[in-house]
């Protein structure tokens, strides 16, 4: 199993030890662009045209609610890939 598959498995199982940079890597691989916060905020916003923006605070560990949001994005992208085939 590749590192990418292991990371996706951890997202699907809503692992409690995910790091911000791992979620960032997944979102960016699906075309989301990270916008850095202003004036000392810790909340990063990820945007992709045609999709709702997602805001994730850069805290360790990442709370389950944010992992669930990324999981929904991954599931949606996988479904779109299957529909395209």
PDB file of N, CA and C in Angstrom:
ATOM      1  N   UNK A   1       0.852  -1.177   0.000  1.00  0.00           N
ATOM      2  CA  UNK A   1       0.000   0.000   0.000  1.00  0.00           C
ATOM      3  C   UNK A   1       0.896   1.239   0.000  1.00  0.00           C
ATOM      4  N   UNK A   2       0.613   2.162  -0.895  1.00  0.00           N
ATOM      5  CA  UNK A   2       1.433   3.368  -1.004  1.00  0.00           C
ATOM      6  C   UNK A   2       1.137   4.348   0.129  1.00  0.00           C
ATOM      7  N   UNK A   3       2.002   5.332   0.288  1.00  0.00           N
ATOM      8  CA  UNK A   3       1.804   6.351   1.324  1.00  0.00           C
ATOM      9  C   UNK A   3       0.497   7.095   1.101  1.00  0.00           C
ATOM     10  N   UNK A   4       0.194   7.362  -0.188  1.00  0.00           N
ATOM     11  CA  UNK A   4      -1.039   8.078  -0.515  1.00  0.00           C
ATOM     12  C   UNK A   4      -2.256   7.255  -0.091  1.00  0.00           C
ATOM     13  N   UNK A   5      -2.242   5.961  -0.381  1.00  0.00           N
ATOM     14  CA  UNK A   5      -3.354   5.093   0.001  1.00  0.00           C
ATOM     15  C   UNK A   5      -3.500   5.024   1.523  1.00  0.00           C
ATOM     16  N   UNK A   6      -2.384   4.981   2.215  1.00  0.00           N
ATOM     17  CA  UNK A   6      -2.430   4.958   3.683  1.00  0.00           C
ATOM     18  C   UNK A   6      -3.026   6.252   4.228  1.00  0.00           C
ATOM     19  N   UNK A   7      -2.657   7.379   3.619  1.00  0.00           N
ATOM     20  CA  UNK A   7      -3.188   8.668   4.052  1.00  0.00           C
ATOM     21  C   UNK A   7      -4.699   8.725   3.824  1.00  0.00           C
ATOM     22  N   UNK A   8      -5.148   8.277   2.665  1.00  0.00           N
ATOM     23  CA  UNK A   8      -6.592   8.269   2.386  1.00  0.00           C
ATOM     24  C   UNK A   8      -7.335   7.326   3.326  1.00  0.00           C
ATOM     25  N   UNK A   9      -6.719   6.200   3.659  1.00  0.00           N
ATOM     26  CA  UNK A   9      -7.329   5.266   4.605  1.00  0.00           C
ATOM     27  C   UNK A   9      -7.491   5.920   5.972  1.00  0.00           C
ATOM     28  N   UNK A  10      -6.471   6.670   6.387  1.00  0.00           N
ATOM     29  CA  UNK A  10      -6.559   7.374   7.680  1.00  0.00           C
ATOM     30  C   UNK A  10      -7.663   8.421   7.656  1.00  0.00           C
ATOM     31  N   UNK A  11      -7.878   9.064   6.511  1.00  0.00           N
ATOM     32  CA  UNK A  11      -8.969  10.044   6.408  1.00  0.00           C
ATOM     33  C   UNK A  11     -10.313   9.329   6.447  1.00  0.00           C
ATOM     34  N   UNK A  12     -10.449   8.221   5.712  1.00  0.00           N
ATOM     35  CA  UNK A  12     -11.708   7.471   5.697  1.00  0.00           C
ATOM     36  C   UNK A  12     -12.074   6.934   7.076  1.00  0.00           C
ATOM     37  N   UNK A  13     -11.069   6.574   7.873  1.00  0.00           N
ATOM     38  CA  UNK A  13     -11.349   6.050   9.215  1.00  0.00           C
ATOM     39  C   UNK A  13     -11.420   7.151  10.257  1.00  0.00           C
ATOM     40  N   UNK A  14     -11.322   8.417   9.807  1.00  0.00           N
ATOM     41  CA  UNK A  14     -11.384   9.590  10.695  1.00  0.00           C
ATOM     42  C   UNK A  14     -10.353   9.497  11.813  1.00  0.00           C
ATOM     43  N   UNK A  15      -9.140   9.219  11.417  1.00  0.00           N
ATOM     44  CA  UNK A  15      -8.039   9.080  12.369  1.00  0.00           C
ATOM     45  C   UNK A  15      -7.875  10.361  13.182  1.00  0.00           C
ATOM     46  N   UNK A  16      -7.523  10.207  14.455  1.00  0.00           N
ATOM     47  CA  UNK A  16      -7.372  11.361  15.339  1.00  0.00           C
ATOM     48  C   UNK A  16      -5.970  11.943  15.322  1.00  0.00           C
ATOM     49  N   UNK A  17      -5.044  11.311  14.594  1.00  0.00           N
ATOM     50  CA  UNK A  17      -3.666  11.801  14.605  1.00  0.00           C
ATOM     51  C   UNK A  17      -3.246  12.430  13.278  1.00  0.00           C
ATOM     52  N   UNK A  18      -4.209  12.901  12.498  1.00  0.00           N
ATOM     53  CA  UNK A  18      -3.872  13.572  11.241  1.00  0.00           C
ATOM     54  C   UNK A  18      -3.305  14.956  11.518  1.00  0.00           C
ATOM     55  N   UNK A  19      -2.369  15.360  10.676  1.00  0.00           N
ATOM     56  CA  UNK A  19      -1.759  16.672  10.830  1.00  0.00           C
ATOM     57  C   UNK A  19      -2.298  17.616   9.759  1.00  0.00           C
ATOM     58  N   UNK A  20      -2.181  18.908  10.022  1.00  0.00           N
ATOM     59  CA  UNK A  20      -2.663  19.928   9.095  1.00  0.00           C
ATOM     60  C   UNK A  20      -2.017  19.775   7.724  1.00  0.00           C
ATOM     61  N   UNK A  21      -0.712  19.557   7.692  1.00  0.00           N
ATOM     62  CA  UNK A  21      -0.020  19.464   6.402  1.00  0.00           C
ATOM     63  C   UNK A  21      -0.477  18.264   5.582  1.00  0.00           C
ATOM     64  N   UNK A  22      -0.944  17.207   6.243  1.00  0.00           N
ATOM     65  CA  UNK A  22      -1.467  16.048   5.510  1.00  0.00           C
ATOM     66  C   UNK A  22      -2.795  16.384   4.840  1.00  0.00           C
ATOM     67  N   UNK A  23      -3.671  17.070   5.569  1.00  0.00           N
ATOM     68  CA  UNK A  23      -4.941  17.472   4.975  1.00  0.00           C
ATOM     69  C   UNK A  23      -4.712  18.483   3.853  1.00  0.00           C
ATOM     70  N   UNK A  24      -3.758  19.363   4.053  1.00  0.00           N
ATOM     71  CA  UNK A  24      -3.404  20.350   3.042  1.00  0.00           C
ATOM     72  C   UNK A  24      -2.945  19.655   1.763  1.00  0.00           C
ATOM     73  N   UNK A  25      -2.114  18.652   1.911  1.00  0.00           N
ATOM     74  CA  UNK A  25      -1.590  17.892   0.767  1.00  0.00           C
ATOM     75  C   UNK A  25      -2.728  17.240  -0.019  1.00  0.00           C
ATOM     76  N   UNK A  26      -3.694  16.661   0.688  1.00  0.00           N
ATOM     77  CA  UNK A  26      -4.825  16.001   0.033  1.00  0.00           C
ATOM     78  C   UNK A  26      -5.676  17.023  -0.717  1.00  0.00           C
ATOM     79  N   UNK A  27      -6.007  18.127  -0.063  1.00  0.00           N
ATOM     80  CA  UNK A  27      -6.843  19.139  -0.705  1.00  0.00           C
ATOM     81  C   UNK A  27      -6.158  19.733  -1.929  1.00  0.00           C
ATOM     82  N   UNK A  28      -4.867  20.011  -1.817  1.00  0.00           N
ATOM     83  CA  UNK A  28      -4.145  20.594  -2.954  1.00  0.00           C
ATOM     84  C   UNK A  28      -4.050  19.600  -4.111  1.00  0.00           C
ATOM     85  N   UNK A  29      -3.992  18.312  -3.811  1.00  0.00           N
ATOM     86  CA  UNK A  29      -3.927  17.319  -4.885  1.00  0.00           C
ATOM     87  C   UNK A  29      -5.237  17.259  -5.674  1.00  0.00           C
ATOM     88  N   UNK A  30      -6.338  17.683  -5.058  1.00  0.00           N
ATOM     89  CA  UNK A  30      -7.628  17.719  -5.740  1.00  0.00           C
ATOM     90  C   UNK A  30      -7.932  19.099  -6.310  1.00  0.00           C
ATOM     91  N   UNK A  31      -6.939  19.970  -6.380  1.00  0.00           N
ATOM     92  CA  UNK A  31      -7.106  21.251  -7.054  1.00  0.00           C
ATOM     93  C   UNK A  31      -7.494  22.417  -6.175  1.00  0.00           C
ATOM     94  N   UNK A  32      -7.518  22.237  -4.882  1.00  0.00           N
ATOM     95  CA  UNK A  32      -7.833  23.345  -3.981  1.00  0.00           C
ATOM     96  C   UNK A  32      -6.583  24.205  -3.778  1.00  0.00           C
ATOM     97  N   UNK A  33      -6.791  25.510  -3.680  1.00  0.00           N
ATOM     98  CA  UNK A  33      -5.694  26.438  -3.422  1.00  0.00           C
ATOM     99  C   UNK A  33      -5.822  26.967  -2.002  1.00  0.00           C
ATOM    100  N   UNK A  34      -4.706  26.971  -1.288  1.00  0.00           N
ATOM    101  CA  UNK A  34      -4.704  27.427   0.094  1.00  0.00           C
ATOM    102  C   UNK A  34      -4.499  28.930   0.143  1.00  0.00           C
ATOM    103  N   UNK A  35      -5.366  29.613   0.897  1.00  0.00           N
ATOM    104  CA  UNK A  35      -5.219  31.038   1.142  1.00  0.00           C
ATOM    105  C   UNK A  35      -4.802  31.219   2.589  1.00  0.00           C
ATOM    106  N   UNK A  36      -3.653  31.870   2.774  1.00  0.00           N
ATOM    107  CA  UNK A  36      -3.118  32.064   4.122  1.00  0.00           C
ATOM    108  C   UNK A  36      -3.974  33.071   4.888  1.00  0.00           C
ATOM    109  N   UNK A  37      -4.056  32.893   6.188  1.00  0.00           N
ATOM    110  CA  UNK A  37      -4.846  33.815   7.010  1.00  0.00           C
ATOM    111  C   UNK A  37      -4.175  35.180   7.126  1.00  0.00           C
ATOM    112  N   UNK A  38      -4.947  36.150   7.519  1.00  0.00           N
ATOM    113  CA  UNK A  38      -4.412  37.498   7.716  1.00  0.00           C
ATOM    114  C   UNK A  38      -4.419  37.844   9.194  1.00  0.00           C
ATOM    115  N   UNK A  39      -3.567  38.721   9.551  1.00  0.00           N
ATOM    116  CA  UNK A  39      -3.487  39.321  10.896  1.00  0.00           C
ATOM    117  C   UNK A  39      -3.478  38.301  12.028  1.00  0.00           C
ATOM    118  N   UNK A  40      -2.632  37.291  11.910  1.00  0.00           N
ATOM    119  CA  UNK A  40      -2.397  36.378  13.018  1.00  0.00           C
ATOM    120  C   UNK A  40      -3.416  35.280  13.216  1.00  0.00           C
ATOM    121  N   UNK A  41      -4.356  35.125  12.327  1.00  0.00           N
ATOM    122  CA  UNK A  41      -5.343  34.063  12.461  1.00  0.00           C
ATOM    123  C   UNK A  41      -4.689  32.716  12.143  1.00  0.00           C
ATOM    124  N   UNK A  42      -5.272  31.654  12.663  1.00  0.00           N
ATOM    125  CA  UNK A  42      -4.737  30.315  12.390  1.00  0.00           C
ATOM    126  C   UNK A  42      -5.627  29.534  11.428  1.00  0.00           C
ATOM    127  N   UNK A  43      -6.644  30.182  10.870  1.00  0.00           N
ATOM    128  CA  UNK A  43      -7.590  29.505   9.992  1.00  0.00           C
ATOM    129  C   UNK A  43      -7.200  29.703   8.530  1.00  0.00           C
ATOM    130  N   UNK A  44      -6.934  28.593   7.851  1.00  0.00           N
ATOM    131  CA  UNK A  44      -6.570  28.606   6.437  1.00  0.00           C
ATOM    132  C   UNK A  44      -7.798  28.230   5.619  1.00  0.00           C
ATOM    133  N   UNK A  45      -7.999  28.926   4.510  1.00  0.00           N
ATOM    134  CA  UNK A  45      -9.137  28.657   3.639  1.00  0.00           C
ATOM    135  C   UNK A  45      -8.639  28.019   2.353  1.00  0.00           C
ATOM    136  N   UNK A  46      -9.307  26.952   1.954  1.00  0.00           N
ATOM    137  CA  UNK A  46      -8.980  26.246   0.717  1.00  0.00           C
ATOM    138  C   UNK A  46     -10.124  26.473  -0.261  1.00  0.00           C
ATOM    139  N   UNK A  47      -9.784  26.923  -1.473  1.00  0.00           N
ATOM    140  CA  UNK A  47     -10.800  27.241  -2.469  1.00  0.00           C
ATOM    141  C   UNK A  47     -10.538  26.509  -3.774  1.00  0.00           C
ATOM    142  N   UNK A  48     -11.648  26.162  -4.419  1.00  0.00           N
ATOM    143  CA  UNK A  48     -11.601  25.550  -5.748  1.00  0.00           C
ATOM    144  C   UNK A  48     -12.820  26.066  -6.492  1.00  0.00           C
ATOM    145  N   UNK A  49     -12.639  26.477  -7.736  1.00  0.00           N
ATOM    146  CA  UNK A  49     -13.761  27.025  -8.487  1.00  0.00           C
ATOM    147  C   UNK A  49     -14.866  25.986  -8.630  1.00  0.00           C
ATOM    148  N   UNK A  50     -16.087  26.433  -8.409  1.00  0.00           N
ATOM    149  CA  UNK A  50     -17.234  25.537  -8.508  1.00  0.00           C
ATOM    150  C   UNK A  50     -17.510  24.737  -7.256  1.00  0.00           C
ATOM    151  N   UNK A  51     -16.711  24.921  -6.207  1.00  0.00           N
ATOM    152  CA  UNK A  51     -16.885  24.173  -4.951  1.00  0.00           C
ATOM    153  C   UNK A  51     -16.958  25.139  -3.779  1.00  0.00           C
ATOM    154  N   UNK A  52     -17.572  24.669  -2.711  1.00  0.00           N
ATOM    155  CA  UNK A  52     -17.623  25.455  -1.483  1.00  0.00           C
ATOM    156  C   UNK A  52     -16.225  25.560  -0.884  1.00  0.00           C
ATOM    157  N   UNK A  53     -15.853  26.740  -0.370  1.00  0.00           N
ATOM    158  CA  UNK A  53     -14.558  26.832   0.311  1.00  0.00           C
ATOM    159  C   UNK A  53     -14.602  26.065   1.636  1.00  0.00           C
ATOM    160  N   UNK A  54     -13.448  25.599   2.056  1.00  0.00           N
ATOM    161  CA  UNK A  54     -13.337  24.884   3.326  1.00  0.00           C
ATOM    162  C   UNK A  54     -12.273  25.597   4.166  1.00  0.00           C
ATOM    163  N   UNK A  55     -12.603  25.867   5.417  1.00  0.00           N
ATOM    164  CA  UNK A  55     -11.690  26.548   6.320  1.00  0.00           C
ATOM    165  C   UNK A  55     -11.260  25.586   7.409  1.00  0.00           C
ATOM    166  N   UNK A  56      -9.937  25.477   7.587  1.00  0.00           N
ATOM    167  CA  UNK A  56      -9.378  24.554   8.575  1.00  0.00           C
ATOM    168  C   UNK A  56      -8.379  25.307   9.443  1.00  0.00           C
ATOM    169  N   UNK A  57      -8.533  25.251  10.767  1.00  0.00           N
ATOM    170  CA  UNK A  57      -7.539  25.883  11.635  1.00  0.00           C
ATOM    171  C   UNK A  57      -6.279  25.033  11.714  1.00  0.00           C
ATOM    172  N   UNK A  58      -5.150  25.700  11.795  1.00  0.00           N
ATOM    173  CA  UNK A  58      -3.875  24.981  11.858  1.00  0.00           C
ATOM    174  C   UNK A  58      -3.548  24.698  13.323  1.00  0.00           C
ATOM    175  N   UNK A  59      -4.171  23.654  13.830  1.00  0.00           N
ATOM    176  CA  UNK A  59      -3.930  23.187  15.196  1.00  0.00           C
ATOM    177  C   UNK A  59      -3.617  21.698  15.125  1.00  0.00           C
ATOM    178  N   UNK A  60      -2.852  21.232  16.058  1.00  0.00           N
ATOM    179  CA  UNK A  60      -2.523  19.810  16.116  1.00  0.00           C
ATOM    180  C   UNK A  60      -3.110  19.238  17.394  1.00  0.00           C
ATOM    181  N   UNK A  61      -3.776  18.123  17.365  1.00  0.00           N
ATOM    182  CA  UNK A  61      -4.246  17.403  16.182  1.00  0.00           C
ATOM    183  C   UNK A  61      -5.470  18.099  15.590  1.00  0.00           C
ATOM    184  N   UNK A  62      -5.778  17.755  14.360  1.00  0.00           N
ATOM    185  CA  UNK A  62      -6.936  18.321  13.673  1.00  0.00           C
ATOM    186  C   UNK A  62      -8.199  17.712  14.278  1.00  0.00           C
ATOM    187  N   UNK A  63      -9.200  18.551  14.521  1.00  0.00           N
ATOM    188  CA  UNK A  63     -10.450  18.043  15.079  1.00  0.00           C
ATOM    189  C   UNK A  63     -11.185  17.182  14.058  1.00  0.00           C
ATOM    190  N   UNK A  64     -11.960  16.263  14.571  1.00  0.00           N
ATOM    191  CA  UNK A  64     -12.669  15.284  13.745  1.00  0.00           C
ATOM    192  C   UNK A  64     -13.584  15.947  12.718  1.00  0.00           C
ATOM    193  N   UNK A  65     -14.219  17.049  13.074  1.00  0.00           N
ATOM    194  CA  UNK A  65     -15.159  17.708  12.161  1.00  0.00           C
ATOM    195  C   UNK A  65     -14.466  18.158  10.878  1.00  0.00           C
ATOM    196  N   UNK A  66     -13.206  18.589  10.970  1.00  0.00           N
ATOM    197  CA  UNK A  66     -12.475  19.025   9.780  1.00  0.00           C
ATOM    198  C   UNK A  66     -12.029  17.832   8.940  1.00  0.00           C
ATOM    199  N   UNK A  67     -11.694  16.739   9.605  1.00  0.00           N
ATOM    200  CA  UNK A  67     -11.332  15.519   8.877  1.00  0.00           C
ATOM    201  C   UNK A  67     -12.561  15.004   8.123  1.00  0.00           C
ATOM    202  N   UNK A  68     -13.748  15.105   8.740  1.00  0.00           N
ATOM    203  CA  UNK A  68     -14.974  14.682   8.067  1.00  0.00           C
ATOM    204  C   UNK A  68     -15.239  15.525   6.823  1.00  0.00           C
ATOM    205  N   UNK A  69     -14.955  16.836   6.896  1.00  0.00           N
ATOM    206  CA  UNK A  69     -15.154  17.696   5.733  1.00  0.00           C
ATOM    207  C   UNK A  69     -14.222  17.290   4.597  1.00  0.00           C
ATOM    208  N   UNK A  70     -12.973  16.988   4.917  1.00  0.00           N
ATOM    209  CA  UNK A  70     -12.019  16.556   3.887  1.00  0.00           C
ATOM    210  C   UNK A  70     -12.437  15.194   3.335  1.00  0.00           C
ATOM    211  N   UNK A  71     -12.941  14.329   4.191  1.00  0.00           N
ATOM    212  CA  UNK A  71     -13.412  13.003   3.746  1.00  0.00           C
ATOM    213  C   UNK A  71     -14.531  13.154   2.723  1.00  0.00           C
ATOM    214  N   UNK A  72     -15.460  14.071   2.956  1.00  0.00           N
ATOM    215  CA  UNK A  72     -16.554  14.306   2.010  1.00  0.00           C
ATOM    216  C   UNK A  72     -16.013  14.797   0.666  1.00  0.00           C
ATOM    217  N   UNK A  73     -14.992  15.641   0.699  1.00  0.00           N
ATOM    218  CA  UNK A  73     -14.384  16.130  -0.537  1.00  0.00           C
ATOM    219  C   UNK A  73     -13.730  14.979  -1.286  1.00  0.00           C
ATOM    220  N   UNK A  74     -12.981  14.135  -0.572  1.00  0.00           N
ATOM    221  CA  UNK A  74     -12.310  12.998  -1.208  1.00  0.00           C
ATOM    222  C   UNK A  74     -13.345  12.066  -1.831  1.00  0.00           C
ATOM    223  N   UNK A  75     -14.418  11.763  -1.095  1.00  0.00           N
ATOM    224  CA  UNK A  75     -15.458  10.888  -1.623  1.00  0.00           C
ATOM    225  C   UNK A  75     -16.101  11.490  -2.870  1.00  0.00           C
ATOM    226  N   UNK A  76     -16.327  12.795  -2.857  1.00  0.00           N
ATOM    227  CA  UNK A  76     -16.899  13.463  -4.018  1.00  0.00           C
ATOM    228  C   UNK A  76     -15.972  13.415  -5.221  1.00  0.00           C
ATOM    229  N   UNK A  77     -14.684  13.599  -4.994  1.00  0.00           N
ATOM    230  CA  UNK A  77     -13.711  13.558  -6.088  1.00  0.00           C
ATOM    231  C   UNK A  77     -13.592  12.141  -6.659  1.00  0.00           C
ATOM    232  N   UNK A  78     -13.626  11.137  -5.797  1.00  0.00           N
ATOM    233  CA  UNK A  78     -13.558   9.747  -6.263  1.00  0.00           C
ATOM    234  C   UNK A  78     -14.793   9.432  -7.103  1.00  0.00           C
ATOM    235  N   UNK A  79     -15.953   9.891  -6.647  1.00  0.00           N
ATOM    236  CA  UNK A  79     -17.194   9.671  -7.404  1.00  0.00           C
ATOM    237  C   UNK A  79     -17.126  10.353  -8.760  1.00  0.00           C
ATOM    238  N   UNK A  80     -16.591  11.586  -8.806  1.00  0.00           N
ATOM    239  CA  UNK A  80     -16.459  12.301 -10.076  1.00  0.00           C
ATOM    240  C   UNK A  80     -15.520  11.562 -11.025  1.00  0.00           C
ATOM    241  N   UNK A  81     -14.450  10.998 -10.479  1.00  0.00           N
ATOM    242  CA  UNK A  81     -13.515  10.235 -11.312  1.00  0.00           C
ATOM    243  C   UNK A  81     -14.176   8.997 -11.897  1.00  0.00           C
ATOM    244  N   UNK A  82     -15.014   8.323 -11.078  1.00  0.00           N
ATOM    245  CA  UNK A  82     -15.697   7.126 -11.557  1.00  0.00           C
ATOM    246  C   UNK A  82     -16.727   7.486 -12.617  1.00  0.00           C
ATOM    247  N   UNK A  83     -17.422   8.607 -12.446  1.00  0.00           N
ATOM    248  CA  UNK A  83     -18.420   9.036 -13.423  1.00  0.00           C
ATOM    249  C   UNK A  83     -17.782   9.411 -14.754  1.00  0.00           C
ATOM    250  N   UNK A  84     -16.551   9.914 -14.711  1.00  0.00           N
ATOM    251  CA  UNK A  84     -15.866  10.343 -15.921  1.00  0.00           C
ATOM    252  C   UNK A  84     -15.413   9.148 -16.764  1.00  0.00           C
ATOM    253  N   UNK A  85     -15.271   8.002 -16.146  1.00  0.00           N
ATOM    254  CA  UNK A  85     -14.772   6.824 -16.879  1.00  0.00           C
ATOM    255  C   UNK A  85     -15.817   6.138 -17.690  1.00  0.00           C
TER     256      UNK A  85
END
